[in-house]
């Protein structure tokens, strides 16, 4: 996470915020304040062709359901709840993976 330490994240290797019951959280202060700080750099100056839902899929699964790195696999824990928050000023503009708009990717199909 970019600038995570300045927002109160205590683990330099943290990929997500966690506060396990009976164990120490990987951040200091309230989770609302830490999340607000981490999200403060978001803006509306990026590409207008936003793919929020596909970004979620790629973040958790990689480019196909059978591919994923160790961090992606670790995120999907049977004992953990998963909450997704989408902050956007536009509708999802999902396009087929190989529609030519973003170039061909042999590992992904529509």
PDB file of N, CA and C in Angstrom:
ATOM      1  N   UNK A   1       0.851  -1.174   0.000  1.00  0.00           N
ATOM      2  CA  UNK A   1       0.000   0.000   0.000  1.00  0.00           C
ATOM      3  C   UNK A   1       0.900   1.241   0.000  1.00  0.00           C
ATOM      4  N   UNK A   2       0.646   2.140  -0.908  1.00  0.00           N
ATOM      5  CA  UNK A   2       1.446   3.349  -1.044  1.00  0.00           C
ATOM      6  C   UNK A   2       1.210   4.284   0.140  1.00  0.00           C
ATOM      7  N   UNK A   3       2.272   4.800   0.726  1.00  0.00           N
ATOM      8  CA  UNK A   3       2.213   5.711   1.873  1.00  0.00           C
ATOM      9  C   UNK A   3       1.477   5.115   3.069  1.00  0.00           C
ATOM     10  N   UNK A   4       1.465   3.816   3.179  1.00  0.00           N
ATOM     11  CA  UNK A   4       0.700   3.155   4.233  1.00  0.00           C
ATOM     12  C   UNK A   4       1.199   3.509   5.633  1.00  0.00           C
ATOM     13  N   UNK A   5       2.503   3.587   5.804  1.00  0.00           N
ATOM     14  CA  UNK A   5       3.044   3.874   7.144  1.00  0.00           C
ATOM     15  C   UNK A   5       2.581   5.233   7.646  1.00  0.00           C
ATOM     16  N   UNK A   6       2.492   6.211   6.750  1.00  0.00           N
ATOM     17  CA  UNK A   6       2.049   7.543   7.176  1.00  0.00           C
ATOM     18  C   UNK A   6       0.568   7.569   7.520  1.00  0.00           C
ATOM     19  N   UNK A   7      -0.164   6.530   7.138  1.00  0.00           N
ATOM     20  CA  UNK A   7      -1.593   6.436   7.449  1.00  0.00           C
ATOM     21  C   UNK A   7      -1.858   5.577   8.684  1.00  0.00           C
ATOM     22  N   UNK A   8      -0.800   5.009   9.280  1.00  0.00           N
ATOM     23  CA  UNK A   8      -0.966   4.221  10.490  1.00  0.00           C
ATOM     24  C   UNK A   8      -0.814   2.723  10.307  1.00  0.00           C
ATOM     25  N   UNK A   9      -0.503   2.267   9.083  1.00  0.00           N
ATOM     26  CA  UNK A   9      -0.299   0.836   8.861  1.00  0.00           C
ATOM     27  C   UNK A   9       1.056   0.458   9.455  1.00  0.00           C
ATOM     28  N   UNK A  10       1.074  -0.531  10.338  1.00  0.00           N
ATOM     29  CA  UNK A  10       2.282  -0.876  11.079  1.00  0.00           C
ATOM     30  C   UNK A  10       3.109  -1.974  10.424  1.00  0.00           C
ATOM     31  N   UNK A  11       2.535  -2.721   9.514  1.00  0.00           N
ATOM     32  CA  UNK A  11       3.250  -3.809   8.842  1.00  0.00           C
ATOM     33  C   UNK A  11       3.660  -3.334   7.453  1.00  0.00           C
ATOM     34  N   UNK A  12       4.968  -3.164   7.179  1.00  0.00           N
ATOM     35  CA  UNK A  12       5.392  -2.660   5.872  1.00  0.00           C
ATOM     36  C   UNK A  12       5.065  -3.608   4.717  1.00  0.00           C
ATOM     37  N   UNK A  13       4.761  -4.862   5.020  1.00  0.00           N
ATOM     38  CA  UNK A  13       4.412  -5.836   3.979  1.00  0.00           C
ATOM     39  C   UNK A  13       2.912  -6.047   3.838  1.00  0.00           C
ATOM     40  N   UNK A  14       2.113  -5.281   4.554  1.00  0.00           N
ATOM     41  CA  UNK A  14       0.653  -5.470   4.533  1.00  0.00           C
ATOM     42  C   UNK A  14       0.088  -5.190   3.149  1.00  0.00           C
ATOM     43  N   UNK A  15      -0.790  -6.062   2.708  1.00  0.00           N
ATOM     44  CA  UNK A  15      -1.494  -5.877   1.445  1.00  0.00           C
ATOM     45  C   UNK A  15      -2.948  -5.506   1.668  1.00  0.00           C
ATOM     46  N   UNK A  16      -3.420  -5.643   2.911  1.00  0.00           N
ATOM     47  CA  UNK A  16      -4.781  -5.277   3.270  1.00  0.00           C
ATOM     48  C   UNK A  16      -4.804  -4.934   4.755  1.00  0.00           C
ATOM     49  N   UNK A  17      -5.869  -4.293   5.176  1.00  0.00           N
ATOM     50  CA  UNK A  17      -6.054  -3.965   6.589  1.00  0.00           C
ATOM     51  C   UNK A  17      -6.718  -5.145   7.267  1.00  0.00           C
ATOM     52  N   UNK A  18      -6.225  -5.495   8.439  1.00  0.00           N
ATOM     53  CA  UNK A  18      -6.849  -6.584   9.179  1.00  0.00           C
ATOM     54  C   UNK A  18      -6.786  -6.316  10.667  1.00  0.00           C
ATOM     55  N   UNK A  19      -7.825  -6.745  11.348  1.00  0.00           N
ATOM     56  CA  UNK A  19      -7.916  -6.622  12.798  1.00  0.00           C
ATOM     57  C   UNK A  19      -8.509  -7.926  13.338  1.00  0.00           C
ATOM     58  N   UNK A  20      -7.698  -8.992  13.370  1.00  0.00           N
ATOM     59  CA  UNK A  20      -8.214 -10.291  13.802  1.00  0.00           C
ATOM     60  C   UNK A  20      -8.641 -10.281  15.264  1.00  0.00           C
ATOM     61  N   UNK A  21      -9.707 -10.991  15.569  1.00  0.00           N
ATOM     62  CA  UNK A  21     -10.196 -11.093  16.942  1.00  0.00           C
ATOM     63  C   UNK A  21      -9.131 -11.780  17.794  1.00  0.00           C
ATOM     64  N   UNK A  22      -8.767 -11.150  18.890  1.00  0.00           N
ATOM     65  CA  UNK A  22      -7.794 -11.729  19.801  1.00  0.00           C
ATOM     66  C   UNK A  22      -6.346 -11.543  19.383  1.00  0.00           C
ATOM     67  N   UNK A  23      -6.111 -10.818  18.314  1.00  0.00           N
ATOM     68  CA  UNK A  23      -4.738 -10.583  17.858  1.00  0.00           C
ATOM     69  C   UNK A  23      -4.574  -9.097  17.534  1.00  0.00           C
ATOM     70  N   UNK A  24      -3.340  -8.692  17.359  1.00  0.00           N
ATOM     71  CA  UNK A  24      -3.055  -7.286  17.093  1.00  0.00           C
ATOM     72  C   UNK A  24      -3.369  -6.924  15.646  1.00  0.00           C
ATOM     73  N   UNK A  25      -3.980  -5.785  15.450  1.00  0.00           N
ATOM     74  CA  UNK A  25      -4.271  -5.282  14.110  1.00  0.00           C
ATOM     75  C   UNK A  25      -2.976  -4.851  13.433  1.00  0.00           C
ATOM     76  N   UNK A  26      -3.002  -4.739  12.117  1.00  0.00           N
ATOM     77  CA  UNK A  26      -1.803  -4.292  11.396  1.00  0.00           C
ATOM     78  C   UNK A  26      -1.845  -2.787  11.125  1.00  0.00           C
ATOM     79  N   UNK A  27      -2.569  -2.056  11.968  1.00  0.00           N
ATOM     80  CA  UNK A  27      -2.645  -0.604  11.855  1.00  0.00           C
ATOM     81  C   UNK A  27      -2.905  -0.028  13.241  1.00  0.00           C
ATOM     82  N   UNK A  28      -2.644   1.273  13.397  1.00  0.00           N
ATOM     83  CA  UNK A  28      -2.943   1.962  14.648  1.00  0.00           C
ATOM     84  C   UNK A  28      -4.067   2.951  14.396  1.00  0.00           C
ATOM     85  N   UNK A  29      -4.816   3.249  15.430  1.00  0.00           N
ATOM     86  CA  UNK A  29      -5.939   4.160  15.291  1.00  0.00           C
ATOM     87  C   UNK A  29      -7.174   3.417  14.824  1.00  0.00           C
ATOM     88  N   UNK A  30      -8.181   4.175  14.397  1.00  0.00           N
ATOM     89  CA  UNK A  30      -9.420   3.534  13.939  1.00  0.00           C
ATOM     90  C   UNK A  30      -9.285   3.126  12.480  1.00  0.00           C
ATOM     91  N   UNK A  31      -9.938   2.035  12.131  1.00  0.00           N
ATOM     92  CA  UNK A  31      -9.879   1.560  10.752  1.00  0.00           C
ATOM     93  C   UNK A  31     -10.492   2.603   9.807  1.00  0.00           C
ATOM     94  N   UNK A  32     -11.477   3.345  10.278  1.00  0.00           N
ATOM     95  CA  UNK A  32     -12.086   4.391   9.449  1.00  0.00           C
ATOM     96  C   UNK A  32     -11.069   5.476   9.098  1.00  0.00           C
ATOM     97  N   UNK A  33     -10.271   5.880  10.088  1.00  0.00           N
ATOM     98  CA  UNK A  33      -9.261   6.912   9.842  1.00  0.00           C
ATOM     99  C   UNK A  33      -8.156   6.409   8.915  1.00  0.00           C
ATOM    100  N   UNK A  34      -7.725   5.166   9.121  1.00  0.00           N
ATOM    101  CA  UNK A  34      -6.665   4.597   8.281  1.00  0.00           C
ATOM    102  C   UNK A  34      -7.164   4.455   6.846  1.00  0.00           C
ATOM    103  N   UNK A  35      -8.372   3.922   6.663  1.00  0.00           N
ATOM    104  CA  UNK A  35      -8.919   3.768   5.316  1.00  0.00           C
ATOM    105  C   UNK A  35      -9.099   5.124   4.648  1.00  0.00           C
ATOM    106  N   UNK A  36      -9.577   6.098   5.393  1.00  0.00           N
ATOM    107  CA  UNK A  36      -9.759   7.443   4.849  1.00  0.00           C
ATOM    108  C   UNK A  36      -8.424   8.021   4.382  1.00  0.00           C
ATOM    109  N   UNK A  37      -7.394   7.832   5.159  1.00  0.00           N
ATOM    110  CA  UNK A  37      -6.065   8.318   4.797  1.00  0.00           C
ATOM    111  C   UNK A  37      -5.554   7.616   3.540  1.00  0.00           C
ATOM    112  N   UNK A  38      -5.691   6.291   3.484  1.00  0.00           N
ATOM    113  CA  UNK A  38      -5.224   5.540   2.321  1.00  0.00           C
ATOM    114  C   UNK A  38      -5.979   5.941   1.054  1.00  0.00           C
ATOM    115  N   UNK A  39      -7.263   6.253   1.187  1.00  0.00           N
ATOM    116  CA  UNK A  39      -8.092   6.609   0.028  1.00  0.00           C
ATOM    117  C   UNK A  39      -7.998   8.079  -0.346  1.00  0.00           C
ATOM    118  N   UNK A  40      -7.287   8.882   0.445  1.00  0.00           N
ATOM    119  CA  UNK A  40      -7.260  10.324   0.193  1.00  0.00           C
ATOM    120  C   UNK A  40      -6.561  10.707  -1.105  1.00  0.00           C
ATOM    121  N   UNK A  41      -5.744   9.814  -1.647  1.00  0.00           N
ATOM    122  CA  UNK A  41      -5.041  10.122  -2.893  1.00  0.00           C
ATOM    123  C   UNK A  41      -5.821   9.756  -4.139  1.00  0.00           C
ATOM    124  N   UNK A  42      -7.023   9.251  -3.967  1.00  0.00           N
ATOM    125  CA  UNK A  42      -7.824   8.875  -5.137  1.00  0.00           C
ATOM    126  C   UNK A  42      -8.309  10.122  -5.855  1.00  0.00           C
ATOM    127  N   UNK A  43      -8.542   9.997  -7.141  1.00  0.00           N
ATOM    128  CA  UNK A  43      -8.996  11.154  -7.897  1.00  0.00           C
ATOM    129  C   UNK A  43      -9.823  10.754  -9.097  1.00  0.00           C
ATOM    130  N   UNK A  44     -10.092  11.711  -9.951  1.00  0.00           N
ATOM    131  CA  UNK A  44     -10.934  11.482 -11.130  1.00  0.00           C
ATOM    132  C   UNK A  44     -10.199  11.811 -12.417  1.00  0.00           C
ATOM    133  N   UNK A  45      -8.874  11.822 -12.384  1.00  0.00           N
ATOM    134  CA  UNK A  45      -8.111  12.226 -13.553  1.00  0.00           C
ATOM    135  C   UNK A  45      -7.653  11.057 -14.425  1.00  0.00           C
ATOM    136  N   UNK A  46      -8.018   9.843 -14.080  1.00  0.00           N
ATOM    137  CA  UNK A  46      -7.558   8.683 -14.835  1.00  0.00           C
ATOM    138  C   UNK A  46      -8.359   8.456 -16.104  1.00  0.00           C
ATOM    139  N   UNK A  47      -8.170   7.310 -16.672  1.00  0.00           N
ATOM    140  CA  UNK A  47      -8.849   6.909 -17.902  1.00  0.00           C
ATOM    141  C   UNK A  47     -10.359   6.886 -17.680  1.00  0.00           C
ATOM    142  N   UNK A  48     -11.110   7.326 -18.661  1.00  0.00           N
ATOM    143  CA  UNK A  48     -12.563   7.337 -18.566  1.00  0.00           C
ATOM    144  C   UNK A  48     -13.199   5.976 -18.789  1.00  0.00           C
ATOM    145  N   UNK A  49     -12.419   5.016 -19.254  1.00  0.00           N
ATOM    146  CA  UNK A  49     -12.927   3.661 -19.507  1.00  0.00           C
ATOM    147  C   UNK A  49     -12.648   2.806 -18.272  1.00  0.00           C
ATOM    148  N   UNK A  50     -13.432   2.991 -17.226  1.00  0.00           N
ATOM    149  CA  UNK A  50     -13.179   2.317 -15.958  1.00  0.00           C
ATOM    150  C   UNK A  50     -13.757   0.910 -15.930  1.00  0.00           C
ATOM    151  N   UNK A  51     -13.036   0.018 -15.295  1.00  0.00           N
ATOM    152  CA  UNK A  51     -13.417  -1.395 -15.213  1.00  0.00           C
ATOM    153  C   UNK A  51     -13.363  -1.842 -13.759  1.00  0.00           C
ATOM    154  N   UNK A  52     -14.223  -1.292 -12.931  1.00  0.00           N
ATOM    155  CA  UNK A  52     -14.188  -1.587 -11.503  1.00  0.00           C
ATOM    156  C   UNK A  52     -14.372  -3.071 -11.207  1.00  0.00           C
ATOM    157  N   UNK A  53     -15.328  -3.703 -11.857  1.00  0.00           N
ATOM    158  CA  UNK A  53     -15.612  -5.111 -11.568  1.00  0.00           C
ATOM    159  C   UNK A  53     -14.485  -6.020 -12.032  1.00  0.00           C
ATOM    160  N   UNK A  54     -13.902  -5.730 -13.187  1.00  0.00           N
ATOM    161  CA  UNK A  54     -12.783  -6.531 -13.665  1.00  0.00           C
ATOM    162  C   UNK A  54     -11.551  -6.311 -12.786  1.00  0.00           C
ATOM    163  N   UNK A  55     -11.354  -5.097 -12.302  1.00  0.00           N
ATOM    164  CA  UNK A  55     -10.229  -4.827 -11.405  1.00  0.00           C
ATOM    165  C   UNK A  55     -10.336  -5.687 -10.149  1.00  0.00           C
ATOM    166  N   UNK A  56     -11.547  -5.823  -9.625  1.00  0.00           N
ATOM    167  CA  UNK A  56     -11.779  -6.686  -8.460  1.00  0.00           C
ATOM    168  C   UNK A  56     -11.410  -8.133  -8.793  1.00  0.00           C
ATOM    169  N   UNK A  57     -11.855  -8.614  -9.940  1.00  0.00           N
ATOM    170  CA  UNK A  57     -11.556  -9.988 -10.336  1.00  0.00           C
ATOM    171  C   UNK A  57     -10.049 -10.207 -10.479  1.00  0.00           C
ATOM    172  N   UNK A  58      -9.371  -9.303 -11.163  1.00  0.00           N
ATOM    173  CA  UNK A  58      -7.929  -9.447 -11.367  1.00  0.00           C
ATOM    174  C   UNK A  58      -7.154  -9.328 -10.063  1.00  0.00           C
ATOM    175  N   UNK A  59      -7.603  -8.466  -9.165  1.00  0.00           N
ATOM    176  CA  UNK A  59      -6.911  -8.295  -7.889  1.00  0.00           C
ATOM    177  C   UNK A  59      -6.955  -9.574  -7.057  1.00  0.00           C
ATOM    178  N   UNK A  60      -8.059 -10.297  -7.125  1.00  0.00           N
ATOM    179  CA  UNK A  60      -8.198 -11.505  -6.305  1.00  0.00           C
ATOM    180  C   UNK A  60      -7.786 -12.782  -7.021  1.00  0.00           C
ATOM    181  N   UNK A  61      -7.957 -12.835  -8.330  1.00  0.00           N
ATOM    182  CA  UNK A  61      -7.731 -14.091  -9.036  1.00  0.00           C
ATOM    183  C   UNK A  61      -6.599 -14.065 -10.040  1.00  0.00           C
ATOM    184  N   UNK A  62      -6.116 -12.922 -10.417  1.00  0.00           N
ATOM    185  CA  UNK A  62      -5.135 -12.854 -11.492  1.00  0.00           C
ATOM    186  C   UNK A  62      -5.837 -12.860 -12.830  1.00  0.00           C
ATOM    187  N   UNK A  63      -5.137 -13.255 -13.862  1.00  0.00           N
ATOM    188  CA  UNK A  63      -5.709 -13.160 -15.202  1.00  0.00           C
ATOM    189  C   UNK A  63      -6.630 -14.316 -15.558  1.00  0.00           C
ATOM    190  N   UNK A  64      -6.693 -15.341 -14.749  1.00  0.00           N
ATOM    191  CA  UNK A  64      -7.670 -16.413 -14.946  1.00  0.00           C
ATOM    192  C   UNK A  64      -7.896 -17.085 -13.597  1.00  0.00           C
ATOM    193  N   UNK A  65      -9.027 -17.764 -13.425  1.00  0.00           N
ATOM    194  CA  UNK A  65      -9.301 -18.400 -12.128  1.00  0.00           C
ATOM    195  C   UNK A  65      -8.255 -19.416 -11.691  1.00  0.00           C
ATOM    196  N   UNK A  66      -7.467 -19.966 -12.629  1.00  0.00           N
ATOM    197  CA  UNK A  66      -6.459 -20.952 -12.249  1.00  0.00           C
ATOM    198  C   UNK A  66      -5.095 -20.322 -11.987  1.00  0.00           C
ATOM    199  N   UNK A  67      -4.989 -19.012 -12.152  1.00  0.00           N
ATOM    200  CA  UNK A  67      -3.716 -18.312 -11.949  1.00  0.00           C
ATOM    201  C   UNK A  67      -3.880 -17.343 -10.794  1.00  0.00           C
ATOM    202  N   UNK A  68      -2.907 -17.281  -9.944  1.00  0.00           N
ATOM    203  CA  UNK A  68      -2.916 -16.315  -8.858  1.00  0.00           C
ATOM    204  C   UNK A  68      -1.601 -16.385  -8.111  1.00  0.00           C
ATOM    205  N   UNK A  69      -1.110 -15.246  -7.675  1.00  0.00           N
ATOM    206  CA  UNK A  69       0.131 -15.283  -6.913  1.00  0.00           C
ATOM    207  C   UNK A  69      -0.179 -15.568  -5.445  1.00  0.00           C
ATOM    208  N   UNK A  70       0.851 -15.710  -4.644  1.00  0.00           N
ATOM    209  CA  UNK A  70       0.665 -16.102  -3.240  1.00  0.00           C
ATOM    210  C   UNK A  70      -0.184 -15.094  -2.467  1.00  0.00           C
ATOM    211  N   UNK A  71      -0.005 -13.789  -2.744  1.00  0.00           N
ATOM    212  CA  UNK A  71      -0.783 -12.765  -2.038  1.00  0.00           C
ATOM    213  C   UNK A  71      -2.260 -12.850  -2.409  1.00  0.00           C
ATOM    214  N   UNK A  72      -2.547 -13.128  -3.677  1.00  0.00           N
ATOM    215  CA  UNK A  72      -3.937 -13.257  -4.101  1.00  0.00           C
ATOM    216  C   UNK A  72      -4.583 -14.477  -3.451  1.00  0.00           C
ATOM    217  N   UNK A  73      -3.873 -15.568  -3.417  1.00  0.00           N
ATOM    218  CA  UNK A  73      -4.394 -16.790  -2.806  1.00  0.00           C
ATOM    219  C   UNK A  73      -4.585 -16.584  -1.304  1.00  0.00           C
ATOM    220  N   UNK A  74      -3.650 -15.879  -0.651  1.00  0.00           N
ATOM    221  CA  UNK A  74      -3.750 -15.633   0.792  1.00  0.00           C
ATOM    222  C   UNK A  74      -4.945 -14.754   1.137  1.00  0.00           C
ATOM    223  N   UNK A  75      -5.338 -13.876   0.225  1.00  0.00           N
ATOM    224  CA  UNK A  75      -6.472 -12.970   0.468  1.00  0.00           C
ATOM    225  C   UNK A  75      -7.786 -13.755   0.609  1.00  0.00           C
ATOM    226  N   UNK A  76      -7.921 -14.846  -0.104  1.00  0.00           N
ATOM    227  CA  UNK A  76      -9.157 -15.635  -0.088  1.00  0.00           C
ATOM    228  C   UNK A  76      -9.056 -16.717   0.983  1.00  0.00           C
ATOM    229  N   UNK A  77      -9.372 -16.345   2.219  1.00  0.00           N
ATOM    230  CA  UNK A  77      -9.282 -17.247   3.352  1.00  0.00           C
ATOM    231  C   UNK A  77     -10.685 -17.716   3.742  1.00  0.00           C
ATOM    232  N   UNK A  78     -10.893 -19.005   3.930  1.00  0.00           N
ATOM    233  CA  UNK A  78     -12.224 -19.512   4.287  1.00  0.00           C
ATOM    234  C   UNK A  78     -12.777 -18.924   5.585  1.00  0.00           C
ATOM    235  N   UNK A  79     -11.909 -18.548   6.511  1.00  0.00           N
ATOM    236  CA  UNK A  79     -12.370 -18.055   7.800  1.00  0.00           C
ATOM    237  C   UNK A  79     -12.555 -16.537   7.832  1.00  0.00           C
ATOM    238  N   UNK A  80     -12.328 -15.861   6.707  1.00  0.00           N
ATOM    239  CA  UNK A  80     -12.399 -14.395   6.687  1.00  0.00           C
ATOM    240  C   UNK A  80     -13.596 -13.912   5.876  1.00  0.00           C
ATOM    241  N   UNK A  81     -14.177 -12.825   6.326  1.00  0.00           N
ATOM    242  CA  UNK A  81     -15.217 -12.162   5.539  1.00  0.00           C
ATOM    243  C   UNK A  81     -14.540 -11.299   4.494  1.00  0.00           C
ATOM    244  N   UNK A  82     -15.150 -11.169   3.356  1.00  0.00           N
ATOM    245  CA  UNK A  82     -14.601 -10.332   2.291  1.00  0.00           C
ATOM    246  C   UNK A  82     -15.597  -9.223   2.005  1.00  0.00           C
ATOM    247  N   UNK A  83     -15.153  -8.000   2.158  1.00  0.00           N
ATOM    248  CA  UNK A  83     -15.994  -6.846   1.849  1.00  0.00           C
ATOM    249  C   UNK A  83     -15.348  -6.038   0.747  1.00  0.00           C
ATOM    250  N   UNK A  84     -16.108  -5.668  -0.233  1.00  0.00           N
ATOM    251  CA  UNK A  84     -15.593  -4.876  -1.348  1.00  0.00           C
ATOM    252  C   UNK A  84     -16.253  -3.512  -1.335  1.00  0.00           C
ATOM    253  N   UNK A  85     -15.440  -2.492  -1.506  1.00  0.00           N
ATOM    254  CA  UNK A  85     -15.935  -1.126  -1.551  1.00  0.00           C
ATOM    255  C   UNK A  85     -15.504  -0.520  -2.875  1.00  0.00           C
ATOM    256  N   UNK A  86     -16.457  -0.086  -3.665  1.00  0.00           N
ATOM    257  CA  UNK A  86     -16.160   0.560  -4.939  1.00  0.00           C
ATOM    258  C   UNK A  86     -16.495   2.036  -4.803  1.00  0.00           C
ATOM    259  N   UNK A  87     -15.482   2.876  -4.945  1.00  0.00           N
ATOM    260  CA  UNK A  87     -15.686   4.318  -4.943  1.00  0.00           C
ATOM    261  C   UNK A  87     -15.447   4.791  -6.367  1.00  0.00           C
ATOM    262  N   UNK A  88     -16.483   5.234  -7.024  1.00  0.00           N
ATOM    263  CA  UNK A  88     -16.342   5.593  -8.427  1.00  0.00           C
ATOM    264  C   UNK A  88     -17.283   6.720  -8.782  1.00  0.00           C
ATOM    265  N   UNK A  89     -16.888   7.470  -9.779  1.00  0.00           N
ATOM    266  CA  UNK A  89     -17.757   8.532 -10.276  1.00  0.00           C
ATOM    267  C   UNK A  89     -18.348   8.158 -11.629  1.00  0.00           C
ATOM    268  N   UNK A  90     -18.163   6.887 -12.058  1.00  0.00           N
ATOM    269  CA  UNK A  90     -18.659   6.445 -13.355  1.00  0.00           C
ATOM    270  C   UNK A  90     -19.184   5.021 -13.281  1.00  0.00           C
ATOM    271  N   UNK A  91     -19.981   4.642 -14.278  1.00  0.00           N
ATOM    272  CA  UNK A  91     -20.445   3.272 -14.401  1.00  0.00           C
ATOM    273  C   UNK A  91     -19.283   2.381 -14.806  1.00  0.00           C
ATOM    274  N   UNK A  92     -19.407   1.091 -14.540  1.00  0.00           N
ATOM    275  CA  UNK A  92     -18.415   0.135 -14.995  1.00  0.00           C
ATOM    276  C   UNK A  92     -18.472   0.058 -16.512  1.00  0.00           C
ATOM    277  N   UNK A  93     -17.337   0.070 -17.141  1.00  0.00           N
ATOM    278  CA  UNK A  93     -17.251   0.039 -18.600  1.00  0.00           C
ATOM    279  C   UNK A  93     -16.583  -1.261 -19.013  1.00  0.00           C
ATOM    280  N   UNK A  94     -17.140  -2.358 -18.548  1.00  0.00           N
ATOM    281  CA  UNK A  94     -16.549  -3.658 -18.801  1.00  0.00           C
ATOM    282  C   UNK A  94     -16.538  -3.970 -20.290  1.00  0.00           C
ATOM    283  N   UNK A  95     -15.383  -4.368 -20.760  1.00  0.00           N
ATOM    284  CA  UNK A  95     -15.222  -4.769 -22.159  1.00  0.00           C
ATOM    285  C   UNK A  95     -14.675  -6.184 -22.168  1.00  0.00           C
ATOM    286  N   UNK A  96     -14.919  -6.893 -23.246  1.00  0.00           N
ATOM    287  CA  UNK A  96     -14.397  -8.243 -23.371  1.00  0.00           C
ATOM    288  C   UNK A  96     -12.871  -8.196 -23.338  1.00  0.00           C
ATOM    289  N   UNK A  97     -12.255  -9.187 -22.717  1.00  0.00           N
ATOM    290  CA  UNK A  97     -10.811  -9.210 -22.553  1.00  0.00           C
ATOM    291  C   UNK A  97     -10.025  -9.127 -23.842  1.00  0.00           C
ATOM    292  N   UNK A  98     -10.513  -9.690 -24.922  1.00  0.00           N
ATOM    293  CA  UNK A  98      -9.790  -9.690 -26.191  1.00  0.00           C
ATOM    294  C   UNK A  98     -10.555  -8.929 -27.261  1.00  0.00           C
ATOM    295  N   UNK A  99     -11.160  -7.818 -26.906  1.00  0.00           N
ATOM    296  CA  UNK A  99     -11.943  -7.079 -27.901  1.00  0.00           C
ATOM    297  C   UNK A  99     -11.094  -6.147 -28.752  1.00  0.00           C
ATOM    298  N   UNK A 100      -9.781  -6.122 -28.528  1.00  0.00           N
ATOM    299  CA  UNK A 100      -8.906  -5.269 -29.324  1.00  0.00           C
ATOM    300  C   UNK A 100      -8.692  -3.901 -28.711  1.00  0.00           C
ATOM    301  N   UNK A 101      -9.560  -3.479 -27.817  1.00  0.00           N
ATOM    302  CA  UNK A 101      -9.425  -2.157 -27.209  1.00  0.00           C
ATOM    303  C   UNK A 101      -8.183  -2.070 -26.335  1.00  0.00           C
ATOM    304  N   UNK A 102      -7.854  -3.162 -25.659  1.00  0.00           N
ATOM    305  CA  UNK A 102      -6.732  -3.167 -24.729  1.00  0.00           C
ATOM    306  C   UNK A 102      -5.624  -4.089 -25.175  1.00  0.00           C
ATOM    307  N   UNK A 103      -5.685  -4.594 -26.364  1.00  0.00           N
ATOM    308  CA  UNK A 103      -4.678  -5.528 -26.860  1.00  0.00           C
ATOM    309  C   UNK A 103      -5.059  -6.954 -26.528  1.00  0.00           C
ATOM    310  N   UNK A 104      -4.483  -7.873 -27.253  1.00  0.00           N
ATOM    311  CA  UNK A 104      -4.791  -9.283 -27.034  1.00  0.00           C
ATOM    312  C   UNK A 104      -4.041  -9.828 -25.843  1.00  0.00           C
ATOM    313  N   UNK A 105      -4.702 -10.678 -25.111  1.00  0.00           N
ATOM    314  CA  UNK A 105      -4.104 -11.376 -23.984  1.00  0.00           C
ATOM    315  C   UNK A 105      -4.511 -12.835 -24.111  1.00  0.00           C
ATOM    316  N   UNK A 106      -3.599 -13.713 -24.531  1.00  0.00           N
ATOM    317  CA  UNK A 106      -3.953 -15.106 -24.765  1.00  0.00           C
ATOM    318  C   UNK A 106      -4.531 -15.821 -23.544  1.00  0.00           C
ATOM    319  N   UNK A 107      -4.173 -15.365 -22.336  1.00  0.00           N
ATOM    320  CA  UNK A 107      -4.664 -16.040 -21.133  1.00  0.00           C
ATOM    321  C   UNK A 107      -6.108 -15.686 -20.807  1.00  0.00           C
ATOM    322  N   UNK A 108      -6.632 -14.642 -21.462  1.00  0.00           N
ATOM    323  CA  UNK A 108      -7.993 -14.193 -21.153  1.00  0.00           C
ATOM    324  C   UNK A 108      -8.867 -14.283 -22.385  1.00  0.00           C
ATOM    325  N   UNK A 109     -10.072 -14.730 -22.186  1.00  0.00           N
ATOM    326  CA  UNK A 109     -11.027 -14.775 -23.282  1.00  0.00           C
ATOM    327  C   UNK A 109     -12.319 -14.133 -22.823  1.00  0.00           C
ATOM    328  N   UNK A 110     -13.110 -13.707 -23.763  1.00  0.00           N
ATOM    329  CA  UNK A 110     -14.380 -13.060 -23.440  1.00  0.00           C
ATOM    330  C   UNK A 110     -15.383 -14.056 -22.939  1.00  0.00           C
TER     331      UNK A 110
END
